[in-house]
PDB file of N, CA and C in Angstrom:
ATOM      1  N   UNK A   1      68.225  17.084  48.916  1.00  0.00           N
ATOM      2  CA  UNK A   1      68.483  17.647  47.558  1.00  0.00           C
ATOM      3  C   UNK A   1      68.442  19.196  47.827  1.00  0.00           C
ATOM      4  N   UNK A   2      69.938  19.879  47.368  1.00  0.00           N
ATOM      5  CA  UNK A   2      69.602  21.383  47.470  1.00  0.00           C
ATOM      6  C   UNK A   2      69.157  21.764  46.162  1.00  0.00           C
ATOM      7  N   UNK A   3      68.003  23.048  46.349  1.00  0.00           N
ATOM      8  CA  UNK A   3      67.598  23.610  45.001  1.00  0.00           C
ATOM      9  C   UNK A   3      67.814  24.988  44.816  1.00  0.00           C
ATOM     10  N   UNK A   4      68.346  25.479  43.693  1.00  0.00           N
ATOM     11  CA  UNK A   4      68.361  26.689  43.205  1.00  0.00           C
ATOM     12  C   UNK A   4      66.970  27.118  42.956  1.00  0.00           C
ATOM     13  N   UNK A   5      66.690  28.433  43.305  1.00  0.00           N
ATOM     14  CA  UNK A   5      65.699  29.186  42.602  1.00  0.00           C
ATOM     15  C   UNK A   5      66.366  30.398  41.930  1.00  0.00           C
ATOM     16  N   UNK A   6      65.820  30.477  40.661  1.00  0.00           N
ATOM     17  CA  UNK A   6      66.331  31.557  39.623  1.00  0.00           C
ATOM     18  C   UNK A   6      65.197  32.148  39.562  1.00  0.00           C
ATOM     19  N   UNK A   7      65.177  33.476  39.656  1.00  0.00           N
ATOM     20  CA  UNK A   7      64.000  34.320  39.335  1.00  0.00           C
ATOM     21  C   UNK A   7      63.895  34.979  37.585  1.00  0.00           C
ATOM     22  N   UNK A   8      63.103  35.617  37.332  1.00  0.00           N
ATOM     23  CA  UNK A   8      62.555  35.685  35.896  1.00  0.00           C
ATOM     24  C   UNK A   8      64.019  36.664  35.237  1.00  0.00           C
ATOM     25  N   UNK A   9      65.157  37.454  35.985  1.00  0.00           N
ATOM     26  CA  UNK A   9      66.031  38.108  35.491  1.00  0.00           C
ATOM     27  C   UNK A   9      67.420  37.025  35.230  1.00  0.00           C
ATOM     28  N   UNK A  10      67.119  35.790  35.990  1.00  0.00           N
ATOM     29  CA  UNK A  10      68.082  34.978  35.873  1.00  0.00           C
ATOM     30  C   UNK A  10      69.062  35.026  36.602  1.00  0.00           C
ATOM     31  N   UNK A  11      69.161  35.590  37.735  1.00  0.00           N
ATOM     32  CA  UNK A  11      70.037  36.179  39.122  1.00  0.00           C
ATOM     33  C   UNK A  11      69.301  35.331  40.051  1.00  0.00           C
ATOM     34  N   UNK A  12      70.414  34.799  40.460  1.00  0.00           N
ATOM     35  CA  UNK A  12      69.939  33.700  41.840  1.00  0.00           C
ATOM     36  C   UNK A  12      69.864  34.711  42.980  1.00  0.00           C
ATOM     37  N   UNK A  13      69.077  34.713  43.622  1.00  0.00           N
ATOM     38  CA  UNK A  13      68.686  35.783  44.847  1.00  0.00           C
ATOM     39  C   UNK A  13      69.476  35.664  46.033  1.00  0.00           C
ATOM     40  N   UNK A  14      69.933  36.505  47.061  1.00  0.00           N
ATOM     41  CA  UNK A  14      70.726  35.907  47.888  1.00  0.00           C
ATOM     42  C   UNK A  14      70.046  35.324  49.013  1.00  0.00           C
ATOM     43  N   UNK A  15      70.878  34.191  49.811  1.00  0.00           N
ATOM     44  CA  UNK A  15      70.205  33.207  50.373  1.00  0.00           C
ATOM     45  C   UNK A  15      69.725  34.160  51.739  1.00  0.00           C
ATOM     46  N   UNK A  16      70.594  35.055  52.146  1.00  0.00           N
ATOM     47  CA  UNK A  16      69.802  35.282  53.248  1.00  0.00           C
ATOM     48  C   UNK A  16      70.112  36.685  53.666  1.00  0.00           C
ATOM     49  N   UNK A  17      69.286  37.547  53.813  1.00  0.00           N
ATOM     50  CA  UNK A  17      68.888  39.221  53.892  1.00  0.00           C
ATOM     51  C   UNK A  17      69.721  39.731  55.408  1.00  0.00           C
ATOM     52  N   UNK A  18      70.465  38.627  55.828  1.00  0.00           N
ATOM     53  CA  UNK A  18      71.059  38.903  57.152  1.00  0.00           C
ATOM     54  C   UNK A  18      72.708  39.392  57.158  1.00  0.00           C
ATOM     55  N   UNK A  19      72.758  40.366  56.894  1.00  0.00           N
ATOM     56  CA  UNK A  19      74.128  41.190  56.737  1.00  0.00           C
ATOM     57  C   UNK A  19      74.379  42.187  58.075  1.00  0.00           C
ATOM     58  N   UNK A  20      75.751  41.970  58.326  1.00  0.00           N
ATOM     59  CA  UNK A  20      76.099  43.161  59.216  1.00  0.00           C
ATOM     60  C   UNK A  20      77.719  44.072  58.612  1.00  0.00           C
ATOM     61  N   UNK A  21      77.863  44.652  59.341  1.00  0.00           N
ATOM     62  CA  UNK A  21      79.251  45.570  59.013  1.00  0.00           C
ATOM     63  C   UNK A  21      80.241  45.338  60.066  1.00  0.00           C
ATOM     64  N   UNK A  22      81.500  45.644  59.786  1.00  0.00           N
ATOM     65  CA  UNK A  22      82.753  45.688  60.612  1.00  0.00           C
ATOM     66  C   UNK A  22      83.628  46.313  60.288  1.00  0.00           C
ATOM     67  N   UNK A  23      85.091  46.353  61.026  1.00  0.00           N
ATOM     68  CA  UNK A  23      85.941  47.170  59.954  1.00  0.00           C
ATOM     69  C   UNK A  23      87.220  46.735  59.992  1.00  0.00           C
ATOM     70  N   UNK A  24      88.013  46.624  59.260  1.00  0.00           N
ATOM     71  CA  UNK A  24      89.067  45.656  58.991  1.00  0.00           C
ATOM     72  C   UNK A  24      90.193  46.547  59.842  1.00  0.00           C
ATOM     73  N   UNK A  25      91.311  45.970  60.242  1.00  0.00           N
ATOM     74  CA  UNK A  25      92.653  46.256  60.785  1.00  0.00           C
ATOM     75  C   UNK A  25      93.197  47.645  60.592  1.00  0.00           C
ATOM     76  N   UNK A  26      92.540  48.159  59.455  1.00  0.00           N
ATOM     77  CA  UNK A  26      93.047  49.152  58.768  1.00  0.00           C
ATOM     78  C   UNK A  26      92.090  50.301  58.890  1.00  0.00           C
ATOM     79  N   UNK A  27      90.945  50.025  59.025  1.00  0.00           N
ATOM     80  CA  UNK A  27      89.875  50.672  59.530  1.00  0.00           C
ATOM     81  C   UNK A  27      88.712  50.616  58.120  1.00  0.00           C
ATOM     82  N   UNK A  28      88.702  49.940  57.028  1.00  0.00           N
ATOM     83  CA  UNK A  28      88.128  49.509  55.884  1.00  0.00           C
ATOM     84  C   UNK A  28      86.741  48.971  56.274  1.00  0.00           C
ATOM     85  N   UNK A  29      85.645  49.232  55.522  1.00  0.00           N
ATOM     86  CA  UNK A  29      84.840  48.713  55.763  1.00  0.00           C
ATOM     87  C   UNK A  29      84.542  47.104  55.299  1.00  0.00           C
ATOM     88  N   UNK A  30      84.081  46.514  56.318  1.00  0.00           N
ATOM     89  CA  UNK A  30      83.859  44.582  56.129  1.00  0.00           C
ATOM     90  C   UNK A  30      82.365  44.504  55.855  1.00  0.00           C
ATOM     91  N   UNK A  31      82.263  43.684  55.151  1.00  0.00           N
ATOM     92  CA  UNK A  31      80.446  43.031  55.246  1.00  0.00           C
ATOM     93  C   UNK A  31      80.626  41.593  55.532  1.00  0.00           C
ATOM     94  N   UNK A  32      79.795  41.157  56.364  1.00  0.00           N
ATOM     95  CA  UNK A  32      79.791  40.088  56.873  1.00  0.00           C
ATOM     96  C   UNK A  32      78.311  39.320  56.577  1.00  0.00           C
ATOM     97  N   UNK A  33      78.169  38.138  55.870  1.00  0.00           N
ATOM     98  CA  UNK A  33      76.875  37.845  55.438  1.00  0.00           C
ATOM     99  C   UNK A  33      77.382  36.040  55.627  1.00  0.00           C
ATOM    100  N   UNK A  34      76.589  35.565  56.055  1.00  0.00           N
ATOM    101  CA  UNK A  34      76.659  33.802  56.799  1.00  0.00           C
ATOM    102  C   UNK A  34      78.051  33.532  57.104  1.00  0.00           C
ATOM    103  N   UNK A  35      78.625  34.336  57.787  1.00  0.00           N
ATOM    104  CA  UNK A  35      80.111  33.791  58.419  1.00  0.00           C
ATOM    105  C   UNK A  35      80.976  33.940  57.558  1.00  0.00           C
ATOM    106  N   UNK A  36      81.107  34.660  56.459  1.00  0.00           N
ATOM    107  CA  UNK A  36      82.232  35.355  55.535  1.00  0.00           C
ATOM    108  C   UNK A  36      81.893  36.631  55.614  1.00  0.00           C
ATOM    109  N   UNK A  37      83.224  36.877  55.387  1.00  0.00           N
ATOM    110  CA  UNK A  37      83.512  38.402  55.097  1.00  0.00           C
ATOM    111  C   UNK A  37      83.983  38.827  53.722  1.00  0.00           C
ATOM    112  N   UNK A  38      83.646  40.106  53.499  1.00  0.00           N
ATOM    113  CA  UNK A  38      83.685  40.467  52.018  1.00  0.00           C
ATOM    114  C   UNK A  38      84.179  41.897  52.149  1.00  0.00           C
ATOM    115  N   UNK A  39      84.988  42.445  51.523  1.00  0.00           N
ATOM    116  CA  UNK A  39      85.562  44.006  51.349  1.00  0.00           C
ATOM    117  C   UNK A  39      85.180  44.801  50.370  1.00  0.00           C
ATOM    118  N   UNK A  40      84.769  45.921  50.518  1.00  0.00           N
ATOM    119  CA  UNK A  40      84.500  46.759  49.314  1.00  0.00           C
ATOM    120  C   UNK A  40      85.297  46.952  48.046  1.00  0.00           C
ATOM    121  N   UNK A  41      84.992  46.589  47.318  1.00  0.00           N
ATOM    122  CA  UNK A  41      85.792  46.178  45.737  1.00  0.00           C
ATOM    123  C   UNK A  41      85.524  47.970  45.144  1.00  0.00           C
ATOM    124  N   UNK A  42      84.136  48.055  44.859  1.00  0.00           N
ATOM    125  CA  UNK A  42      83.837  49.525  44.164  1.00  0.00           C
ATOM    126  C   UNK A  42      82.299  49.922  44.540  1.00  0.00           C
ATOM    127  N   UNK A  43      82.308  50.726  44.267  1.00  0.00           N
ATOM    128  CA  UNK A  43      80.959  51.734  44.410  1.00  0.00           C
ATOM    129  C   UNK A  43      80.471  52.597  43.308  1.00  0.00           C
ATOM    130  N   UNK A  44      79.489  52.376  42.781  1.00  0.00           N
ATOM    131  CA  UNK A  44      78.612  53.473  41.782  1.00  0.00           C
ATOM    132  C   UNK A  44      77.967  54.286  42.426  1.00  0.00           C
ATOM    133  N   UNK A  45      77.260  54.940  41.329  1.00  0.00           N
ATOM    134  CA  UNK A  45      76.379  55.766  42.115  1.00  0.00           C
ATOM    135  C   UNK A  45      74.875  55.184  42.537  1.00  0.00           C
ATOM    136  N   UNK A  46      74.909  53.770  42.210  1.00  0.00           N
ATOM    137  CA  UNK A  46      73.549  53.408  42.673  1.00  0.00           C
ATOM    138  C   UNK A  46      74.226  51.712  43.370  1.00  0.00           C
ATOM    139  N   UNK A  47      75.036  51.190  43.537  1.00  0.00           N
ATOM    140  CA  UNK A  47      75.540  50.145  43.689  1.00  0.00           C
ATOM    141  C   UNK A  47      76.862  49.809  44.467  1.00  0.00           C
ATOM    142  N   UNK A  48      77.067  49.239  45.438  1.00  0.00           N
ATOM    143  CA  UNK A  48      78.110  48.814  46.032  1.00  0.00           C
ATOM    144  C   UNK A  48      78.527  47.326  45.584  1.00  0.00           C
ATOM    145  N   UNK A  49      79.953  46.957  45.181  1.00  0.00           N
ATOM    146  CA  UNK A  49      80.253  45.721  45.157  1.00  0.00           C
ATOM    147  C   UNK A  49      81.484  44.934  45.877  1.00  0.00           C
ATOM    148  N   UNK A  50      80.959  43.969  46.465  1.00  0.00           N
ATOM    149  CA  UNK A  50      82.013  43.418  47.642  1.00  0.00           C
ATOM    150  C   UNK A  50      82.530  42.409  47.006  1.00  0.00           C
ATOM    151  N   UNK A  51      83.532  41.907  47.496  1.00  0.00           N
ATOM    152  CA  UNK A  51      84.071  40.586  47.213  1.00  0.00           C
ATOM    153  C   UNK A  51      84.976  39.994  48.518  1.00  0.00           C
ATOM    154  N   UNK A  52      84.509  38.778  48.191  1.00  0.00           N
ATOM    155  CA  UNK A  52      85.336  38.225  49.394  1.00  0.00           C
ATOM    156  C   UNK A  52      86.800  38.142  49.929  1.00  0.00           C
ATOM    157  N   UNK A  53      87.166  38.511  51.024  1.00  0.00           N
ATOM    158  CA  UNK A  53      88.618  38.492  51.588  1.00  0.00           C
ATOM    159  C   UNK A  53      89.794  37.984  51.179  1.00  0.00           C
ATOM    160  N   UNK A  54      88.949  36.580  51.072  1.00  0.00           N
ATOM    161  CA  UNK A  54      89.724  35.126  50.890  1.00  0.00           C
ATOM    162  C   UNK A  54      90.286  35.189  49.393  1.00  0.00           C
ATOM    163  N   UNK A  55      91.600  35.450  48.888  1.00  0.00           N
ATOM    164  CA  UNK A  55      92.622  35.870  47.684  1.00  0.00           C
ATOM    165  C   UNK A  55      92.063  34.166  47.138  1.00  0.00           C
ATOM    166  N   UNK A  56      91.377  34.155  45.815  1.00  0.00           N
ATOM    167  CA  UNK A  56      90.915  33.268  45.010  1.00  0.00           C
ATOM    168  C   UNK A  56      89.289  32.770  44.988  1.00  0.00           C
ATOM    169  N   UNK A  57      88.957  33.263  46.041  1.00  0.00           N
ATOM    170  CA  UNK A  57      87.484  33.066  45.925  1.00  0.00           C
ATOM    171  C   UNK A  57      86.697  33.921  45.412  1.00  0.00           C
ATOM    172  N   UNK A  58      85.636  33.192  44.752  1.00  0.00           N
ATOM    173  CA  UNK A  58      85.023  34.023  43.413  1.00  0.00           C
ATOM    174  C   UNK A  58      83.827  34.219  44.023  1.00  0.00           C
ATOM    175  N   UNK A  59      83.335  34.612  45.301  1.00  0.00           N
ATOM    176  CA  UNK A  59      82.128  35.087  46.148  1.00  0.00           C
ATOM    177  C   UNK A  59      81.972  36.388  45.813  1.00  0.00           C
ATOM    178  N   UNK A  60      80.863  36.926  45.493  1.00  0.00           N
ATOM    179  CA  UNK A  60      80.899  38.424  45.459  1.00  0.00           C
ATOM    180  C   UNK A  60      79.284  38.806  45.815  1.00  0.00           C
ATOM    181  N   UNK A  61      79.106  39.926  46.333  1.00  0.00           N
ATOM    182  CA  UNK A  61      77.954  40.771  47.423  1.00  0.00           C
ATOM    183  C   UNK A  61      77.682  42.105  46.373  1.00  0.00           C
ATOM    184  N   UNK A  62      76.252  41.990  46.158  1.00  0.00           N
ATOM    185  CA  UNK A  62      76.054  43.658  45.715  1.00  0.00           C
ATOM    186  C   UNK A  62      74.928  44.237  46.657  1.00  0.00           C
ATOM    187  N   UNK A  63      74.912  45.519  47.166  1.00  0.00           N
ATOM    188  CA  UNK A  63      74.471  45.907  48.077  1.00  0.00           C
ATOM    189  C   UNK A  63      74.150  47.656  47.716  1.00  0.00           C
ATOM    190  N   UNK A  64      72.876  47.998  47.887  1.00  0.00           N
ATOM    191  CA  UNK A  64      72.513  49.382  47.249  1.00  0.00           C
ATOM    192  C   UNK A  64      73.314  50.378  48.223  1.00  0.00           C
ATOM    193  N   UNK A  65      73.129  51.651  48.017  1.00  0.00           N
ATOM    194  CA  UNK A  65      73.963  52.741  48.950  1.00  0.00           C
ATOM    195  C   UNK A  65      73.751  52.674  49.986  1.00  0.00           C
ATOM    196  N   UNK A  66      72.504  52.131  50.643  1.00  0.00           N
ATOM    197  CA  UNK A  66      71.899  52.277  52.063  1.00  0.00           C
ATOM    198  C   UNK A  66      72.394  51.010  52.506  1.00  0.00           C
ATOM    199  N   UNK A  67      73.347  50.223  52.011  1.00  0.00           N
ATOM    200  CA  UNK A  67      74.254  48.630  52.858  1.00  0.00           C
ATOM    201  C   UNK A  67      72.612  47.818  52.302  1.00  0.00           C
ATOM    202  N   UNK A  68      71.544  47.842  51.800  1.00  0.00           N
ATOM    203  CA  UNK A  68      70.468  46.721  51.484  1.00  0.00           C
ATOM    204  C   UNK A  68      71.333  45.561  50.699  1.00  0.00           C
ATOM    205  N   UNK A  69      70.949  44.281  51.213  1.00  0.00           N
ATOM    206  CA  UNK A  69      71.393  43.392  50.067  1.00  0.00           C
ATOM    207  C   UNK A  69      70.538  43.271  49.040  1.00  0.00           C
ATOM    208  N   UNK A  70      71.718  43.192  47.757  1.00  0.00           N
ATOM    209  CA  UNK A  70      70.388  43.310  46.395  1.00  0.00           C
ATOM    210  C   UNK A  70      70.829  41.613  46.120  1.00  0.00           C
ATOM    211  N   UNK A  71      71.840  41.412  45.592  1.00  0.00           N
ATOM    212  CA  UNK A  71      72.619  39.929  45.319  1.00  0.00           C
ATOM    213  C   UNK A  71      73.819  39.345  45.528  1.00  0.00           C
ATOM    214  N   UNK A  72      73.663  38.114  45.510  1.00  0.00           N
ATOM    215  CA  UNK A  72      74.928  37.435  45.851  1.00  0.00           C
ATOM    216  C   UNK A  72      74.977  36.682  44.690  1.00  0.00           C
ATOM    217  N   UNK A  73      76.719  36.391  44.435  1.00  0.00           N
ATOM    218  CA  UNK A  73      77.042  35.862  43.135  1.00  0.00           C
ATOM    219  C   UNK A  73      78.249  34.886  43.789  1.00  0.00           C
ATOM    220  N   UNK A  74      78.336  33.709  42.936  1.00  0.00           N
ATOM    221  CA  UNK A  74      79.387  32.686  43.140  1.00  0.00           C
ATOM    222  C   UNK A  74      79.222  32.207  44.190  1.00  0.00           C
ATOM    223  N   UNK A  75      80.469  31.145  44.142  1.00  0.00           N
ATOM    224  CA  UNK A  75      80.256  30.160  45.873  1.00  0.00           C
ATOM    225  C   UNK A  75      81.642  30.360  46.400  1.00  0.00           C
ATOM    226  N   UNK A  76      81.820  30.235  47.796  1.00  0.00           N
ATOM    227  CA  UNK A  76      82.860  30.243  48.543  1.00  0.00           C
ATOM    228  C   UNK A  76      83.967  29.183  48.304  1.00  0.00           C
ATOM    229  N   UNK A  77      85.053  29.570  48.107  1.00  0.00           N
ATOM    230  CA  UNK A  77      86.008  28.068  48.051  1.00  0.00           C
ATOM    231  C   UNK A  77      86.876  27.909  49.203  1.00  0.00           C
ATOM    232  N   UNK A  78      86.121  28.578  50.427  1.00  0.00           N
ATOM    233  CA  UNK A  78      86.760  28.037  51.561  1.00  0.00           C
ATOM    234  C   UNK A  78      85.517  27.716  52.845  1.00  0.00           C
ATOM    235  N   UNK A  79      85.783  27.573  53.779  1.00  0.00           N
ATOM    236  CA  UNK A  79      85.129  27.333  55.125  1.00  0.00           C
ATOM    237  C   UNK A  79      84.925  28.641  55.540  1.00  0.00           C
ATOM    238  N   UNK A  80      83.425  28.709  56.186  1.00  0.00           N
ATOM    239  CA  UNK A  80      83.211  29.941  56.667  1.00  0.00           C
ATOM    240  C   UNK A  80      84.308  30.699  58.130  1.00  0.00           C
ATOM    241  N   UNK A  81      84.263  31.758  58.340  1.00  0.00           N
ATOM    242  CA  UNK A  81      85.270  32.342  59.019  1.00  0.00           C
ATOM    243  C   UNK A  81      84.761  32.875  60.296  1.00  0.00           C
ATOM    244  N   UNK A  82      84.287  31.816  60.847  1.00  0.00           N
ATOM    245  CA  UNK A  82      83.455  31.993  61.872  1.00  0.00           C
ATOM    246  C   UNK A  82      84.259  32.911  63.451  1.00  0.00           C
ATOM    247  N   UNK A  83      85.398  31.968  63.779  1.00  0.00           N
ATOM    248  CA  UNK A  83      86.460  32.454  64.505  1.00  0.00           C
ATOM    249  C   UNK A  83      87.116  34.177  64.258  1.00  0.00           C
ATOM    250  N   UNK A  84      87.155  33.907  63.055  1.00  0.00           N
ATOM    251  CA  UNK A  84      87.793  35.292  62.480  1.00  0.00           C
ATOM    252  C   UNK A  84      86.887  36.662  62.769  1.00  0.00           C
ATOM    253  N   UNK A  85      85.641  36.339  62.735  1.00  0.00           N
ATOM    254  CA  UNK A  85      84.752  37.285  62.896  1.00  0.00           C
ATOM    255  C   UNK A  85      84.194  37.807  64.284  1.00  0.00           C
ATOM    256  N   UNK A  86      84.552  36.423  64.984  1.00  0.00           N
ATOM    257  CA  UNK A  86      84.096  36.876  66.659  1.00  0.00           C
ATOM    258  C   UNK A  86      85.507  37.217  67.172  1.00  0.00           C
ATOM    259  N   UNK A  87      86.534  37.442  66.560  1.00  0.00           N
ATOM    260  CA  UNK A  87      88.204  38.261  67.170  1.00  0.00           C
ATOM    261  C   UNK A  87      87.589  39.512  66.581  1.00  0.00           C
ATOM    262  N   UNK A  88      87.138  39.597  65.206  1.00  0.00           N
ATOM    263  CA  UNK A  88      87.281  41.106  64.937  1.00  0.00           C
ATOM    264  C   UNK A  88      86.046  41.910  65.929  1.00  0.00           C
ATOM    265  N   UNK A  89      85.025  41.337  66.213  1.00  0.00           N
ATOM    266  CA  UNK A  89      83.994  41.693  67.037  1.00  0.00           C
ATOM    267  C   UNK A  89      84.254  42.217  68.671  1.00  0.00           C
ATOM    268  N   UNK A  90      85.077  41.322  69.080  1.00  0.00           N
ATOM    269  CA  UNK A  90      85.812  41.576  70.593  1.00  0.00           C
ATOM    270  C   UNK A  90      86.572  42.307  70.524  1.00  0.00           C
ATOM    271  N   UNK A  91      87.528  42.617  69.444  1.00  0.00           N
ATOM    272  CA  UNK A  91      88.322  44.045  69.027  1.00  0.00           C
ATOM    273  C   UNK A  91      87.642  45.490  69.003  1.00  0.00           C
ATOM    274  N   UNK A  92      86.702  45.055  68.197  1.00  0.00           N
ATOM    275  CA  UNK A  92      85.827  46.475  68.146  1.00  0.00           C
ATOM    276  C   UNK A  92      85.639  46.900  69.450  1.00  0.00           C
ATOM    277  N   UNK A  93      84.968  45.900  70.331  1.00  0.00           N
ATOM    278  CA  UNK A  93      84.264  46.609  71.698  1.00  0.00           C
ATOM    279  C   UNK A  93      85.259  46.975  72.615  1.00  0.00           C
ATOM    280  N   UNK A  94      86.343  46.647  72.529  1.00  0.00           N
ATOM    281  CA  UNK A  94      87.420  46.766  73.567  1.00  0.00           C
ATOM    282  C   UNK A  94      88.181  48.072  72.915  1.00  0.00           C
ATOM    283  N   UNK A  95      88.257  48.788  73.964  1.00  0.00           N
ATOM    284  CA  UNK A  95      89.018  50.144  73.314  1.00  0.00           C
ATOM    285  C   UNK A  95      90.481  49.797  73.216  1.00  0.00           C
ATOM    286  N   UNK A  96      90.979  50.535  72.344  1.00  0.00           N
ATOM    287  CA  UNK A  96      92.676  50.509  72.067  1.00  0.00           C
ATOM    288  C   UNK A  96      93.627  50.015  73.280  1.00  0.00           C
ATOM    289  N   UNK A  97      93.282  51.147  73.900  1.00  0.00           N
ATOM    290  CA  UNK A  97      94.373  51.215  74.997  1.00  0.00           C
ATOM    291  C   UNK A  97      94.234  49.938  76.068  1.00  0.00           C
ATOM    292  N   UNK A  98      92.925  49.865  75.966  1.00  0.00           N
ATOM    293  CA  UNK A  98      92.751  48.718  77.050  1.00  0.00           C
ATOM    294  C   UNK A  98      93.467  47.323  76.047  1.00  0.00           C
ATOM    295  N   UNK A  99      93.170  47.122  75.045  1.00  0.00           N
ATOM    296  CA  UNK A  99      93.504  45.813  74.242  1.00  0.00           C
ATOM    297  C   UNK A  99      95.436  45.987  74.414  1.00  0.00           C
ATOM    298  N   UNK A 100      95.810  47.357  74.137  1.00  0.00           N
ATOM    299  CA  UNK A 100      97.087  47.157  74.221  1.00  0.00           C
ATOM    300  C   UNK A 100      97.485  46.915  75.499  1.00  0.00           C
ATOM    301  N   UNK A 101      97.181  47.125  76.603  1.00  0.00           N
ATOM    302  CA  UNK A 101      97.323  46.704  78.212  1.00  0.00           C
ATOM    303  C   UNK A 101      97.511  45.426  78.335  1.00  0.00           C
ATOM    304  N   UNK A 102      96.173  44.745  78.009  1.00  0.00           N
ATOM    305  CA  UNK A 102      96.219  43.428  77.857  1.00  0.00           C
ATOM    306  C   UNK A 102      97.102  42.131  77.451  1.00  0.00           C
ATOM    307  N   UNK A 103      97.762  43.159  76.171  1.00  0.00           N
ATOM    308  CA  UNK A 103      98.953  42.211  75.056  1.00  0.00           C
ATOM    309  C   UNK A 103      99.903  42.603  76.407  1.00  0.00           C
ATOM    310  N   UNK A 104     100.369  43.542  76.784  1.00  0.00           N
ATOM    311  CA  UNK A 104     101.621  43.712  77.475  1.00  0.00           C
ATOM    312  C   UNK A 104     101.533  43.072  78.573  1.00  0.00           C
ATOM    313  N   UNK A 105     100.385  42.752  79.448  1.00  0.00           N
ATOM    314  CA  UNK A 105     100.228  42.173  80.835  1.00  0.00           C
ATOM    315  C   UNK A 105     100.555  40.619  80.579  1.00  0.00           C
ATOM    316  N   UNK A 106     100.015  40.091  79.441  1.00  0.00           N
ATOM    317  CA  UNK A 106     100.079  38.573  78.984  1.00  0.00           C
ATOM    318  C   UNK A 106     101.457  38.314  78.551  1.00  0.00           C
ATOM    319  N   UNK A 107     102.190  39.300  78.297  1.00  0.00           N
ATOM    320  CA  UNK A 107     103.843  38.557  77.349  1.00  0.00           C
ATOM    321  C   UNK A 107     104.499  38.719  78.850  1.00  0.00           C
TER     322      UNK A 107
END
């Protein structure tokens, strides 16, 4: 049975404090949490607001300006993006020149 823990302020605390960051194809920051990716929606003087990268998904994440997890809100309406994240991680590790060569050799 799944149980939800609600603190005194009525907010549901984040399930996991394990978050990481990577970059999109356009060089924008992406937050990775629990095998889901979120893009930066807006930033204020104290908080960064992240939304899921999948259109129509209601999941959101809030971090402070030093990227410490503050809160998660909503549920994902899709499966985790494990394979997509693994591909992005490999692309970040391979310099662009070598990635381009690999594509040309395999074609």
